[in-house]
C-alpha atoms as a PDB file:
ATOM      1  CA  MET A   1     107.315 104.585  74.689  1.00  0.00           C
ATOM      2  CA  LYS A   2     108.498 104.595  78.290  1.00  0.00           C
ATOM      3  CA  PHE A   3     110.875 107.159  79.683  1.00  0.00           C
ATOM      4  CA  SER A   4     114.152 105.990  81.187  1.00  0.00           C
ATOM      5  CA  GLN A   5     114.206 105.664  84.958  1.00  0.00           C
ATOM      6  CA  GLU A   6     118.002 105.901  84.961  1.00  0.00           C
ATOM      7  CA  ILE A   7     119.873 108.675  83.169  1.00  0.00           C
ATOM      8  CA  LYS A   8     123.623 109.247  83.101  1.00  0.00           C
ATOM      9  CA  ILE A   9     125.006 112.778  82.846  1.00  0.00           C
ATOM     10  CA  GLY A  10     128.784 112.810  82.775  1.00  0.00           C
ATOM     11  CA  ASN A  11     129.916 110.471  85.529  1.00  0.00           C
ATOM     12  CA  LYS A  12     126.690 110.855  87.525  1.00  0.00           C
ATOM     13  CA  LEU A  13     123.845 108.341  87.404  1.00  0.00           C
ATOM     14  CA  ILE A  14     120.421 109.795  88.157  1.00  0.00           C
ATOM     15  CA  ASN A  15     117.745 107.374  89.350  1.00  0.00           C
ATOM     16  CA  ARG A  16     115.341 106.994  92.256  1.00  0.00           C
ATOM     17  CA  ASP A  17     117.951 105.295  94.465  1.00  0.00           C
ATOM     18  CA  ASN A  18     121.029 107.442  93.929  1.00  0.00           C
ATOM     19  CA  PRO A  19     121.703 110.790  95.612  1.00  0.00           C
ATOM     20  CA  THR A  20     119.920 113.779  94.129  1.00  0.00           C
ATOM     21  CA  PHE A  21     121.725 115.479  91.236  1.00  0.00           C
ATOM     22  CA  ILE A  22     122.380 119.058  92.358  1.00  0.00           C
ATOM     23  CA  ILE A  23     122.837 121.831  89.802  1.00  0.00           C
ATOM     24  CA  ALA A  24     124.334 125.135  90.929  1.00  0.00           C
ATOM     25  CA  GLU A  25     122.812 127.685  88.543  1.00  0.00           C
ATOM     26  CA  ALA A  26     125.377 130.370  87.780  1.00  0.00           C
ATOM     27  CA  GLY A  27     123.167 131.562  84.935  1.00  0.00           C
ATOM     28  CA  VAL A  28     124.171 135.099  83.986  1.00  0.00           C
ATOM     29  CA  ASN A  29     125.581 135.938  87.422  1.00  0.00           C
ATOM     30  CA  HIS A  30     129.046 136.172  85.844  1.00  0.00           C
ATOM     31  CA  ASN A  31     127.955 139.613  84.540  1.00  0.00           C
ATOM     32  CA  GLY A  32     129.817 138.947  81.287  1.00  0.00           C
ATOM     33  CA  ASP A  33     133.156 138.585  83.118  1.00  0.00           C
ATOM     34  CA  ILE A  34     134.984 135.295  82.459  1.00  0.00           C
ATOM     35  CA  LYS A  35     137.068 135.704  85.633  1.00  0.00           C
ATOM     36  CA  LEU A  36     133.903 135.998  87.705  1.00  0.00           C
ATOM     37  CA  ALA A  37     132.498 132.952  85.896  1.00  0.00           C
ATOM     38  CA  LYS A  38     135.564 130.951  86.976  1.00  0.00           C
ATOM     39  CA  LYS A  39     135.093 132.104  90.570  1.00  0.00           C
ATOM     40  CA  LEU A  40     131.506 130.845  90.412  1.00  0.00           C
ATOM     41  CA  ILE A  41     132.790 127.453  89.255  1.00  0.00           C
ATOM     42  CA  ASP A  42     135.198 127.401  92.221  1.00  0.00           C
ATOM     43  CA  ILE A  43     132.312 128.123  94.600  1.00  0.00           C
ATOM     44  CA  ALA A  44     130.241 125.318  93.047  1.00  0.00           C
ATOM     45  CA  VAL A  45     133.131 122.872  93.434  1.00  0.00           C
ATOM     46  CA  GLU A  46     133.678 123.864  97.070  1.00  0.00           C
ATOM     47  CA  SER A  47     129.956 123.366  97.742  1.00  0.00           C
ATOM     48  CA  ASN A  48     130.061 119.763  96.452  1.00  0.00           C
ATOM     49  CA  VAL A  49     127.345 120.158  93.848  1.00  0.00           C
ATOM     50  CA  ASP A  50     127.269 117.822  90.851  1.00  0.00           C
ATOM     51  CA  ALA A  51     127.098 120.401  88.059  1.00  0.00           C
ATOM     52  CA  VAL A  52     127.425 124.114  87.462  1.00  0.00           C
ATOM     53  CA  LYS A  53     125.183 125.647  84.813  1.00  0.00           C
ATOM     54  CA  PHE A  54     125.422 128.738  82.640  1.00  0.00           C
ATOM     55  CA  GLN A  55     123.239 130.139  79.838  1.00  0.00           C
ATOM     56  CA  THR A  56     124.051 130.132  76.128  1.00  0.00           C
ATOM     57  CA  PHE A  57     122.293 132.670  73.942  1.00  0.00           C
ATOM     58  CA  SER A  58     122.589 135.282  71.252  1.00  0.00           C
ATOM     59  CA  THR A  59     120.578 138.329  72.241  1.00  0.00           C
ATOM     60  CA  GLU A  60     119.634 138.964  68.614  1.00  0.00           C
ATOM     61  CA  ARG A  61     118.164 135.474  68.254  1.00  0.00           C
ATOM     62  CA  LEU A  62     116.557 135.490  71.680  1.00  0.00           C
ATOM     63  CA  ILE A  63     114.603 138.680  71.939  1.00  0.00           C
ATOM     64  CA  LEU A  64     113.093 141.616  70.045  1.00  0.00           C
ATOM     65  CA  ARG A  65     114.872 144.884  70.702  1.00  0.00           C
ATOM     66  CA  ASP A  66     112.005 146.696  72.420  1.00  0.00           C
ATOM     67  CA  THR A  67     111.008 143.877  74.820  1.00  0.00           C
ATOM     68  CA  GLU A  68     110.192 145.177  78.286  1.00  0.00           C
ATOM     69  CA  LYS A  69     111.738 143.670  81.425  1.00  0.00           C
ATOM     70  CA  PRO A  70     109.623 141.688  83.880  1.00  0.00           C
ATOM     71  CA  GLU A  71     109.074 143.427  87.213  1.00  0.00           C
ATOM     72  CA  TYR A  72     111.795 141.579  89.161  1.00  0.00           C
ATOM     73  CA  GLN A  73     114.399 142.555  86.535  1.00  0.00           C
ATOM     74  CA  LYS A  74     113.314 146.185  86.711  1.00  0.00           C
ATOM     75  CA  LYS A  75     113.944 146.157  90.459  1.00  0.00           C
ATOM     76  CA  ASN A  76     117.418 144.641  90.166  1.00  0.00           C
ATOM     77  CA  THR A  77     118.894 146.337  87.085  1.00  0.00           C
ATOM     78  CA  GLU A  78     119.167 149.754  85.454  1.00  0.00           C
ATOM     79  CA  SER A  79     115.683 151.093  84.916  1.00  0.00           C
ATOM     80  CA  SER A  80     116.651 152.953  81.741  1.00  0.00           C
ATOM     81  CA  GLU A  81     117.625 149.841  79.740  1.00  0.00           C
ATOM     82  CA  ASN A  82     115.242 147.316  78.202  1.00  0.00           C
ATOM     83  CA  GLN A  83     115.567 143.544  78.341  1.00  0.00           C
ATOM     84  CA  TYR A  84     117.557 143.393  75.096  1.00  0.00           C
ATOM     85  CA  GLU A  85     120.133 145.892  76.346  1.00  0.00           C
ATOM     86  CA  MET A  86     120.442 144.095  79.682  1.00  0.00           C
ATOM     87  CA  LEU A  87     121.011 140.660  78.124  1.00  0.00           C
ATOM     88  CA  LYS A  88     123.454 141.876  75.475  1.00  0.00           C
ATOM     89  CA  LYS A  89     125.978 142.575  78.257  1.00  0.00           C
ATOM     90  CA  LEU A  90     125.624 139.033  79.623  1.00  0.00           C
ATOM     91  CA  GLU A  91     126.445 136.931  76.554  1.00  0.00           C
ATOM     92  CA  LEU A  92     129.230 134.317  76.543  1.00  0.00           C
ATOM     93  CA  ASP A  93     130.885 133.654  73.172  1.00  0.00           C
ATOM     94  CA  LYS A  94     132.296 130.370  71.881  1.00  0.00           C
ATOM     95  CA  GLU A  95     135.763 131.028  73.260  1.00  0.00           C
ATOM     96  CA  ASP A  96     134.281 131.837  76.698  1.00  0.00           C
ATOM     97  CA  HIS A  97     132.455 128.510  76.626  1.00  0.00           C
ATOM     98  CA  LYS A  98     135.650 126.617  75.773  1.00  0.00           C
ATOM     99  CA  ILE A  99     137.498 128.286  78.642  1.00  0.00           C
ATOM    100  CA  LEU A 100     134.727 127.476  81.132  1.00  0.00           C
ATOM    101  CA  ILE A 101     134.325 123.872  79.965  1.00  0.00           C
ATOM    102  CA  ASP A 102     138.083 123.302  80.228  1.00  0.00           C
ATOM    103  CA  TYR A 103     138.072 124.858  83.681  1.00  0.00           C
ATOM    104  CA  CYS A 104     135.178 122.626  84.813  1.00  0.00           C
ATOM    105  CA  ASN A 105     136.989 119.546  83.498  1.00  0.00           C
ATOM    106  CA  LYS A 106     140.105 120.590  85.392  1.00  0.00           C
ATOM    107  CA  LYS A 107     138.078 121.091  88.566  1.00  0.00           C
ATOM    108  CA  GLY A 108     136.145 117.816  88.189  1.00  0.00           C
ATOM    109  CA  ILE A 109     132.649 119.273  87.925  1.00  0.00           C
ATOM    110  CA  ILE A 110     130.066 118.824  85.172  1.00  0.00           C
ATOM    111  CA  PHE A 111     129.522 121.847  82.929  1.00  0.00           C
ATOM    112  CA  LEU A 112     125.933 122.433  81.806  1.00  0.00           C
ATOM    113  CA  SER A 113     124.303 125.296  79.964  1.00  0.00           C
ATOM    114  CA  THR A 114     120.854 126.286  78.797  1.00  0.00           C
ATOM    115  CA  PRO A 115     120.602 126.972  75.053  1.00  0.00           C
ATOM    116  CA  TYR A 116     117.873 129.429  74.076  1.00  0.00           C
ATOM    117  CA  ASP A 117     117.907 128.738  70.341  1.00  0.00           C
ATOM    118  CA  GLU A 118     118.985 126.115  67.804  1.00  0.00           C
ATOM    119  CA  GLU A 119     122.311 127.756  66.955  1.00  0.00           C
ATOM    120  CA  SER A 120     123.224 127.956  70.650  1.00  0.00           C
ATOM    121  CA  ALA A 121     122.376 124.259  70.994  1.00  0.00           C
ATOM    122  CA  ASP A 122     124.686 123.496  68.072  1.00  0.00           C
ATOM    123  CA  LEU A 123     127.475 125.456  69.729  1.00  0.00           C
ATOM    124  CA  LEU A 124     127.094 123.385  72.890  1.00  0.00           C
ATOM    125  CA  GLU A 125     126.830 120.157  70.901  1.00  0.00           C
ATOM    126  CA  GLY A 126     130.109 120.941  69.151  1.00  0.00           C
ATOM    127  CA  LEU A 127     131.754 121.518  72.521  1.00  0.00           C
ATOM    128  CA  GLY A 128     130.657 118.090  73.823  1.00  0.00           C
ATOM    129  CA  ILE A 129     127.911 119.109  76.259  1.00  0.00           C
ATOM    130  CA  LYS A 130     126.731 116.140  78.362  1.00  0.00           C
ATOM    131  CA  ALA A 131     123.069 117.151  78.601  1.00  0.00           C
ATOM    132  CA  TYR A 132     120.737 120.025  77.787  1.00  0.00           C
ATOM    133  CA  LYS A 133     118.924 122.053  80.422  1.00  0.00           C
ATOM    134  CA  ILE A 134     115.905 123.869  79.011  1.00  0.00           C
ATOM    135  CA  ALA A 135     114.521 126.930  80.760  1.00  0.00           C
ATOM    136  CA  SER A 136     110.865 127.391  81.645  1.00  0.00           C
ATOM    137  CA  THR A 137     110.735 130.141  79.031  1.00  0.00           C
ATOM    138  CA  ASP A 138     110.949 127.401  76.383  1.00  0.00           C
ATOM    139  CA  THR A 139     108.564 124.805  77.816  1.00  0.00           C
ATOM    140  CA  THR A 140     106.108 125.856  75.125  1.00  0.00           C
ATOM    141  CA  ASN A 141     108.763 126.340  72.419  1.00  0.00           C
ATOM    142  CA  LEU A 142     108.073 123.129  70.536  1.00  0.00           C
ATOM    143  CA  LEU A 143     110.436 124.236  67.754  1.00  0.00           C
ATOM    144  CA  LEU A 144     113.427 124.162  70.105  1.00  0.00           C
ATOM    145  CA  LEU A 145     112.246 121.065  71.970  1.00  0.00           C
ATOM    146  CA  ASP A 146     111.882 119.117  68.732  1.00  0.00           C
ATOM    147  CA  TYR A 147     115.369 120.221  67.672  1.00  0.00           C
ATOM    148  CA  LEU A 148     116.916 119.122  70.968  1.00  0.00           C
ATOM    149  CA  ALA A 149     115.006 115.834  71.085  1.00  0.00           C
ATOM    150  CA  LYS A 150     116.863 114.862  67.911  1.00  0.00           C
ATOM    151  CA  LYS A 151     120.268 115.490  69.545  1.00  0.00           C
ATOM    152  CA  ASP A 152     120.060 112.200  71.471  1.00  0.00           C
ATOM    153  CA  LYS A 153     121.355 113.749  74.705  1.00  0.00           C
ATOM    154  CA  PRO A 154     119.609 113.806  78.092  1.00  0.00           C
ATOM    155  CA  VAL A 155     117.295 116.788  78.514  1.00  0.00           C
ATOM    156  CA  ILE A 156     116.289 118.465  81.781  1.00  0.00           C
ATOM    157  CA  LEU A 157     113.194 120.596  81.183  1.00  0.00           C
ATOM    158  CA  SER A 158     111.890 123.200  83.643  1.00  0.00           C
ATOM    159  CA  THR A 159     108.123 123.700  83.639  1.00  0.00           C
ATOM    160  CA  GLY A 160     107.572 127.107  85.249  1.00  0.00           C
ATOM    161  CA  MET A 161     104.692 129.260  83.966  1.00  0.00           C
ATOM    162  CA  SER A 162     103.094 126.174  82.354  1.00  0.00           C
ATOM    163  CA  TYR A 163      99.768 124.393  82.638  1.00  0.00           C
ATOM    164  CA  LEU A 164      99.871 120.609  82.811  1.00  0.00           C
ATOM    165  CA  SER A 165      98.336 120.521  79.316  1.00  0.00           C
ATOM    166  CA  GLU A 166     101.302 122.546  78.017  1.00  0.00           C
ATOM    167  CA  VAL A 167     103.768 120.207  79.719  1.00  0.00           C
ATOM    168  CA  GLU A 168     101.964 117.288  78.045  1.00  0.00           C
ATOM    169  CA  LYS A 169     102.561 118.823  74.617  1.00  0.00           C
ATOM    170  CA  ALA A 170     106.234 119.307  75.458  1.00  0.00           C
ATOM    171  CA  VAL A 171     106.596 115.716  76.656  1.00  0.00           C
ATOM    172  CA  ASP A 172     104.854 114.449  73.520  1.00  0.00           C
ATOM    173  CA  ILE A 173     107.602 115.996  71.392  1.00  0.00           C
ATOM    174  CA  PHE A 174     110.157 113.740  73.077  1.00  0.00           C
ATOM    175  CA  LYS A 175     107.887 110.713  72.684  1.00  0.00           C
ATOM    176  CA  LYS A 176     107.459 111.391  68.975  1.00  0.00           C
ATOM    177  CA  ASN A 177     111.223 111.531  68.594  1.00  0.00           C
ATOM    178  CA  ASN A 178     111.588 108.309  70.623  1.00  0.00           C
ATOM    179  CA  MET A 179     113.841 110.183  73.060  1.00  0.00           C
ATOM    180  CA  GLY A 180     113.399 108.673  76.511  1.00  0.00           C
ATOM    181  CA  GLU A 181     116.049 110.531  78.506  1.00  0.00           C
ATOM    182  CA  LEU A 182     113.906 113.355  79.815  1.00  0.00           C
ATOM    183  CA  ILE A 183     113.749 114.828  83.321  1.00  0.00           C
ATOM    184  CA  LEU A 184     111.071 117.374  84.237  1.00  0.00           C
ATOM    185  CA  LEU A 185     111.651 120.050  86.856  1.00  0.00           C
ATOM    186  CA  HIS A 186     108.754 121.546  88.745  1.00  0.00           C
ATOM    187  CA  CYS A 187     109.340 125.285  88.876  1.00  0.00           C
ATOM    188  CA  ILE A 188     107.553 128.505  89.767  1.00  0.00           C
ATOM    189  CA  SER A 189     108.988 131.374  87.714  1.00  0.00           C
ATOM    190  CA  ASN A 190     108.929 134.160  90.250  1.00  0.00           C
ATOM    191  CA  TYR A 191     112.043 135.710  91.792  1.00  0.00           C
ATOM    192  CA  PRO A 192     112.129 135.435  94.739  1.00  0.00           C
ATOM    193  CA  LEU A 193     109.247 133.048  95.376  1.00  0.00           C
ATOM    194  CA  GLU A 194     107.215 133.041  98.594  1.00  0.00           C
ATOM    195  CA  PHE A 195     107.347 129.711 100.434  1.00  0.00           C
ATOM    196  CA  GLU A 196     103.578 129.287 100.415  1.00  0.00           C
ATOM    197  CA  LYS A 197     103.538 129.439  96.619  1.00  0.00           C
ATOM    198  CA  ALA A 198     106.140 126.724  96.004  1.00  0.00           C
ATOM    199  CA  ASN A 199     103.462 124.031  95.419  1.00  0.00           C
ATOM    200  CA  LEU A 200     105.872 121.140  95.985  1.00  0.00           C
ATOM    201  CA  GLN A 201     103.027 118.649  95.549  1.00  0.00           C
ATOM    202  CA  ALA A 202     103.295 119.349  91.814  1.00  0.00           C
ATOM    203  CA  ILE A 203     106.459 117.211  91.844  1.00  0.00           C
ATOM    204  CA  LYS A 204     104.274 114.169  92.512  1.00  0.00           C
ATOM    205  CA  THR A 205     101.748 115.360  89.930  1.00  0.00           C
ATOM    206  CA  LEU A 206     104.430 115.386  87.229  1.00  0.00           C
ATOM    207  CA  GLU A 207     105.885 112.048  88.304  1.00  0.00           C
ATOM    208  CA  ASP A 208     102.486 110.317  88.420  1.00  0.00           C
ATOM    209  CA  ARG A 209     101.303 111.806  85.136  1.00  0.00           C
ATOM    210  CA  PHE A 210     104.392 111.104  83.027  1.00  0.00           C
ATOM    211  CA  ASP A 211     106.200 108.247  84.851  1.00  0.00           C
ATOM    212  CA  LEU A 212     109.623 109.812  84.524  1.00  0.00           C
ATOM    213  CA  LEU A 213     112.296 111.280  86.765  1.00  0.00           C
ATOM    214  CA  VAL A 214     111.286 114.621  88.263  1.00  0.00           C
ATOM    215  CA  GLY A 215     113.138 117.365  90.086  1.00  0.00           C
ATOM    216  CA  TYR A 216     112.711 120.924  91.310  1.00  0.00           C
ATOM    217  CA  SER A 217     114.121 124.273  90.228  1.00  0.00           C
ATOM    218  CA  ASP A 218     113.788 126.494  93.280  1.00  0.00           C
ATOM    219  CA  HIS A 219     113.455 130.261  93.393  1.00  0.00           C
ATOM    220  CA  THR A 220     112.552 130.720  97.070  1.00  0.00           C
ATOM    221  CA  ALA A 221     114.889 133.036  98.981  1.00  0.00           C
ATOM    222  CA  GLY A 222     117.984 131.686 100.704  1.00  0.00           C
ATOM    223  CA  ILE A 223     118.262 127.932 101.157  1.00  0.00           C
ATOM    224  CA  GLY A 224     114.512 127.959 100.691  1.00  0.00           C
ATOM    225  CA  VAL A 225     112.342 124.908 100.160  1.00  0.00           C
ATOM    226  CA  ALA A 226     114.622 123.010  97.759  1.00  0.00           C
ATOM    227  CA  PRO A 227     115.872 120.493 100.362  1.00  0.00           C
ATOM    228  CA  TYR A 228     112.305 119.575 101.319  1.00  0.00           C
ATOM    229  CA  SER A 229     111.490 118.620  97.734  1.00  0.00           C
ATOM    230  CA  ILE A 230     113.534 115.472  98.384  1.00  0.00           C
ATOM    231  CA  ALA A 231     110.636 114.049 100.401  1.00  0.00           C
ATOM    232  CA  LEU A 232     108.353 114.502  97.366  1.00  0.00           C
ATOM    233  CA  GLY A 233     110.735 112.537  95.135  1.00  0.00           C
ATOM    234  CA  ALA A 234     112.885 115.245  93.523  1.00  0.00           C
ATOM    235  CA  LYS A 235     115.932 113.608  91.931  1.00  0.00           C
ATOM    236  CA  VAL A 236     117.382 116.810  90.441  1.00  0.00           C
ATOM    237  CA  ILE A 237     117.573 120.130  92.269  1.00  0.00           C
ATOM    238  CA  GLU A 238     118.578 123.416  90.669  1.00  0.00           C
ATOM    239  CA  LYS A 239     119.330 126.553  92.638  1.00  0.00           C
ATOM    240  CA  HIS A 240     120.725 129.951  91.583  1.00  0.00           C
ATOM    241  CA  PHE A 241     123.888 131.157  93.332  1.00  0.00           C
ATOM    242  CA  THR A 242     126.160 134.179  93.211  1.00  0.00           C
ATOM    243  CA  ILE A 243     129.450 135.362  94.601  1.00  0.00           C
ATOM    244  CA  ASP A 244     127.764 138.502  95.976  1.00  0.00           C
ATOM    245  CA  LYS A 245     124.049 139.296  96.194  1.00  0.00           C
ATOM    246  CA  ASN A 246     124.766 143.018  95.918  1.00  0.00           C
ATOM    247  CA  LEU A 247     126.309 142.828  92.460  1.00  0.00           C
ATOM    248  CA  PRO A 248     124.374 144.502  89.621  1.00  0.00           C
ATOM    249  CA  GLY A 249     122.338 142.121  87.495  1.00  0.00           C
ATOM    250  CA  PRO A 250     118.882 140.554  87.250  1.00  0.00           C
ATOM    251  CA  ASP A 251     119.400 137.407  89.358  1.00  0.00           C
ATOM    252  CA  HIS A 252     121.932 138.163  92.109  1.00  0.00           C
ATOM    253  CA  LYS A 253     119.482 139.188  94.813  1.00  0.00           C
ATOM    254  CA  ALA A 254     117.400 136.003  94.421  1.00  0.00           C
ATOM    255  CA  SER A 255     120.488 133.771  94.429  1.00  0.00           C
ATOM    256  CA  LEU A 256     122.285 131.874  97.173  1.00  0.00           C
ATOM    257  CA  SER A 257     125.461 133.267  98.666  1.00  0.00           C
ATOM    258  CA  PRO A 258     128.464 130.885  98.669  1.00  0.00           C
ATOM    259  CA  ILE A 259     127.829 129.994 102.315  1.00  0.00           C
ATOM    260  CA  GLU A 260     124.126 129.410 101.652  1.00  0.00           C
ATOM    261  CA  LEU A 261     124.879 127.177  98.660  1.00  0.00           C
ATOM    262  CA  LYS A 262     127.159 124.980 100.744  1.00  0.00           C
ATOM    263  CA  SER A 263     124.588 124.827 103.559  1.00  0.00           C
ATOM    264  CA  CYS A 264     121.840 123.978 101.071  1.00  0.00           C
ATOM    265  CA  VAL A 265     123.830 121.041  99.692  1.00  0.00           C
ATOM    266  CA  GLU A 266     124.601 119.806 103.212  1.00  0.00           C
ATOM    267  CA  LEU A 267     120.913 119.952 104.167  1.00  0.00           C
ATOM    268  CA  ILE A 268     119.872 118.110 101.006  1.00  0.00           C
ATOM    269  CA  ARG A 269     122.327 115.325 101.792  1.00  0.00           C
ATOM    270  CA  LYS A 270     121.093 115.124 105.401  1.00  0.00           C
ATOM    271  CA  ILE A 271     117.480 114.863 104.277  1.00  0.00           C
ATOM    272  CA  GLU A 272     118.426 112.143 101.792  1.00  0.00           C
ATOM    273  CA  LYS A 273     119.933 110.121 104.628  1.00  0.00           C
ATOM    274  CA  ALA A 274     116.835 110.722 106.737  1.00  0.00           C
ATOM    275  CA  MET A 275     114.599 109.331 103.979  1.00  0.00           C
ATOM    276  CA  GLY A 276     115.892 105.806 104.678  1.00  0.00           C
ATOM    277  CA  THR A 277     114.751 102.693 102.833  1.00  0.00           C
ATOM    278  CA  GLY A 278     111.003 102.877 103.368  1.00  0.00           C
ATOM    279  CA  ILE A 279     111.008  99.424 104.993  1.00  0.00           C
ATOM    280  CA  LYS A 280     108.982  99.577 108.194  1.00  0.00           C
ATOM    281  CA  SER A 281     110.756  97.525 110.848  1.00  0.00           C
ATOM    282  CA  PRO A 282     112.369  98.393 114.201  1.00  0.00           C
ATOM    283  CA  LEU A 283     115.994  99.484 114.194  1.00  0.00           C
ATOM    284  CA  LEU A 284     118.492  97.584 116.291  1.00  0.00           C
ATOM    285  CA  GLU A 285     118.459 100.509 118.726  1.00  0.00           C
ATOM    286  CA  GLU A 286     114.663 100.299 118.987  1.00  0.00           C
ATOM    287  CA  LYS A 287     114.648  96.616 119.859  1.00  0.00           C
ATOM    288  CA  GLN A 288     116.126  97.275 123.307  1.00  0.00           C
ATOM    289  CA  VAL A 289     113.627 100.072 123.878  1.00  0.00           C
ATOM    290  CA  LYS A 290     110.845  97.779 122.663  1.00  0.00           C
ATOM    291  CA  LEU A 291     111.618  95.271 125.437  1.00  0.00           C
ATOM    292  CA  LEU A 292     111.092  97.921 128.084  1.00  0.00           C
ATOM    293  CA  LEU A 293     108.329 100.091 126.650  1.00  0.00           C
ATOM    294  CA  GLN A 294     105.998  97.785 124.746  1.00  0.00           C
ATOM    295  CA  LYS A 295     103.620  95.580 126.722  1.00  0.00           C
ATOM    296  CA  SER A 296     102.892  91.957 127.513  1.00  0.00           C
ATOM    297  CA  LEU A 297      99.625  90.286 128.426  1.00  0.00           C
ATOM    298  CA  VAL A 298      99.392  90.197 132.223  1.00  0.00           C
ATOM    299  CA  ALA A 299      97.006  88.325 134.536  1.00  0.00           C
ATOM    300  CA  LYS A 300      94.473  90.851 135.801  1.00  0.00           C
ATOM    301  CA  VAL A 301      93.328  88.346 138.439  1.00  0.00           C
ATOM    302  CA  SER A 302      94.682  85.075 139.801  1.00  0.00           C
ATOM    303  CA  ILE A 303      94.005  82.219 137.365  1.00  0.00           C
ATOM    304  CA  ASN A 304      93.770  78.635 138.600  1.00  0.00           C
ATOM    305  CA  LYS A 305      95.326  75.632 136.870  1.00  0.00           C
ATOM    306  CA  GLY A 306      92.879  74.146 134.330  1.00  0.00           C
ATOM    307  CA  GLU A 307      90.780  77.315 134.182  1.00  0.00           C
ATOM    308  CA  SER A 308      89.868  78.684 130.758  1.00  0.00           C
ATOM    309  CA  ILE A 309      91.237  82.147 130.251  1.00  0.00           C
ATOM    310  CA  LYS A 310      88.670  84.851 129.541  1.00  0.00           C
ATOM    311  CA  ARG A 311      89.303  88.267 128.049  1.00  0.00           C
ATOM    312  CA  ASP A 312      88.413  90.065 131.299  1.00  0.00           C
ATOM    313  CA  MET A 313      91.129  88.084 133.135  1.00  0.00           C
ATOM    314  CA  LEU A 314      93.829  89.826 131.113  1.00  0.00           C
ATOM    315  CA  THR A 315      95.342  93.289 130.834  1.00  0.00           C
ATOM    316  CA  ALA A 316      98.455  94.700 129.148  1.00  0.00           C
ATOM    317  CA  LYS A 317     101.423  96.133 131.011  1.00  0.00           C
ATOM    318  CA  ARG A 318     105.087  96.828 130.488  1.00  0.00           C
ATOM    319  CA  PRO A 319     107.606  95.294 129.942  1.00  0.00           C
ATOM    320  CA  CYS A 320     107.632  93.302 126.742  1.00  0.00           C
ATOM    321  CA  GLY A 321     108.916  89.717 126.958  1.00  0.00           C
ATOM    322  CA  GLY A 322     105.744  87.712 127.382  1.00  0.00           C
ATOM    323  CA  ILE A 323     102.891  87.202 124.933  1.00  0.00           C
ATOM    324  CA  SER A 324     102.135  90.398 123.040  1.00  0.00           C
ATOM    325  CA  PRO A 325      98.611  91.860 123.270  1.00  0.00           C
ATOM    326  CA  LEU A 326      98.645  91.455 119.483  1.00  0.00           C
ATOM    327  CA  TYR A 327      97.847  87.783 120.084  1.00  0.00           C
ATOM    328  CA  LEU A 328      95.032  88.283 122.603  1.00  0.00           C
ATOM    329  CA  GLU A 329      92.484  86.351 120.539  1.00  0.00           C
ATOM    330  CA  GLU A 330      94.787  83.341 120.356  1.00  0.00           C
ATOM    331  CA  ILE A 331      95.026  83.202 124.147  1.00  0.00           C
ATOM    332  CA  VAL A 332      91.358  83.580 125.067  1.00  0.00           C
ATOM    333  CA  GLU A 333      89.753  80.184 125.932  1.00  0.00           C
ATOM    334  CA  LYS A 334      93.100  78.418 126.353  1.00  0.00           C
ATOM    335  CA  LYS A 335      93.459  76.599 129.664  1.00  0.00           C
ATOM    336  CA  ALA A 336      96.063  77.441 132.267  1.00  0.00           C
ATOM    337  CA  LYS A 337      98.667  74.697 132.642  1.00  0.00           C
ATOM    338  CA  MET A 338      99.519  75.991 136.128  1.00  0.00           C
ATOM    339  CA  ASP A 339      98.329  78.473 138.701  1.00  0.00           C
ATOM    340  CA  ILE A 340      98.990  81.995 137.460  1.00  0.00           C
ATOM    341  CA  LYS A 341      99.297  84.727 140.033  1.00  0.00           C
ATOM    342  CA  LYS A 342      97.767  88.161 139.584  1.00  0.00           C
ATOM    343  CA  ASN A 343     100.131  90.579 137.762  1.00  0.00           C
ATOM    344  CA  SER A 344     102.134  87.712 136.253  1.00  0.00           C
ATOM    345  CA  ILE A 345     103.322  88.101 132.673  1.00  0.00           C
ATOM    346  CA  ILE A 346     101.572  85.509 130.532  1.00  0.00           C
ATOM    347  CA  LYS A 347     103.925  83.188 128.626  1.00  0.00           C
ATOM    348  CA  TYR A 348     103.123  80.351 126.247  1.00  0.00           C
ATOM    349  CA  GLU A 349     104.575  77.737 128.610  1.00  0.00           C
ATOM    350  CA  MET A 350     101.862  78.647 131.135  1.00  0.00           C
ATOM    351  CA  LEU A 351      99.137  77.504 128.731  1.00  0.00           C
ATOM    352  CA  GLU A 352      98.011  74.099 127.557  1.00  0.00           C
ATOM    353  CA  ASP A 353      98.509  73.142 123.932  1.00  0.00           C
ATOM    354  CA  GLU A 354      95.384  72.278 122.009  1.00  0.00           C
END
């Protein structure tokens, strides 16, 4: 089966011609506070992103109680608590989800969330989620991928921490379920990520290998490299943001500030405009410059009427307006219809027709 090259999420159409679909990743930066979550939605709306995304999970279903934190979480959260204890404080219940979805609808922005288990996916399905965003932590979780592939909703799948062979197995799950609305996001799961490790070329690798829409989930600091992924063909961009980088929590320090989020969106839109159509032809503004800066064939010596023109009789000089040096071979051996003075621009009316 072939994957769709045009996927609709809410009122947004994602394809290779439309503007990039930008997801502002609130994640767990609400710190378990519904009021803070609403403020994050307001920031996303003001930044003109297309969607704001949260995370839907039950700590009990997600993680074993004694699971250690990765290093970046240890640096940014209480050192005495384990990963289970940290995440338990960051859950959103069903009523929280309803409040946030209603608020997003009121504000005119698409609500998305990442489910981390089947029951969480069912919760989102019951609330009318428009698409599923799957975290890199579940790229290899074929149980969850198979479950979501049967939901018949668009899926955006991050691929951090994965080998291409593992991504292939994930993609095969969607093929087996005849589910063609899949978007892959290149991602490096390190927080924050050094620029030189972003490996943006992997966007093209994924696109060429799977022939589907591809995007980029960026964890570089600040505005980072996300806007430059546009030139590699990213059609979805995801970026973490927060109301305050100094708040306690695992992701705040690696997230964009409100000002940075707005600037990131503005830069993405500028780069999109700069990408153009890909058609190589001079702009209207260039055509005037072309007349003055490109060259014409010019008589290097005086040429007598009836004389055959040789290559060494010609040179190229500004301005344009005569015969272009592109057509040198067409001119050689033609006879002069009139006397041509040295340094004269060669024009077709000066030459005999054959």
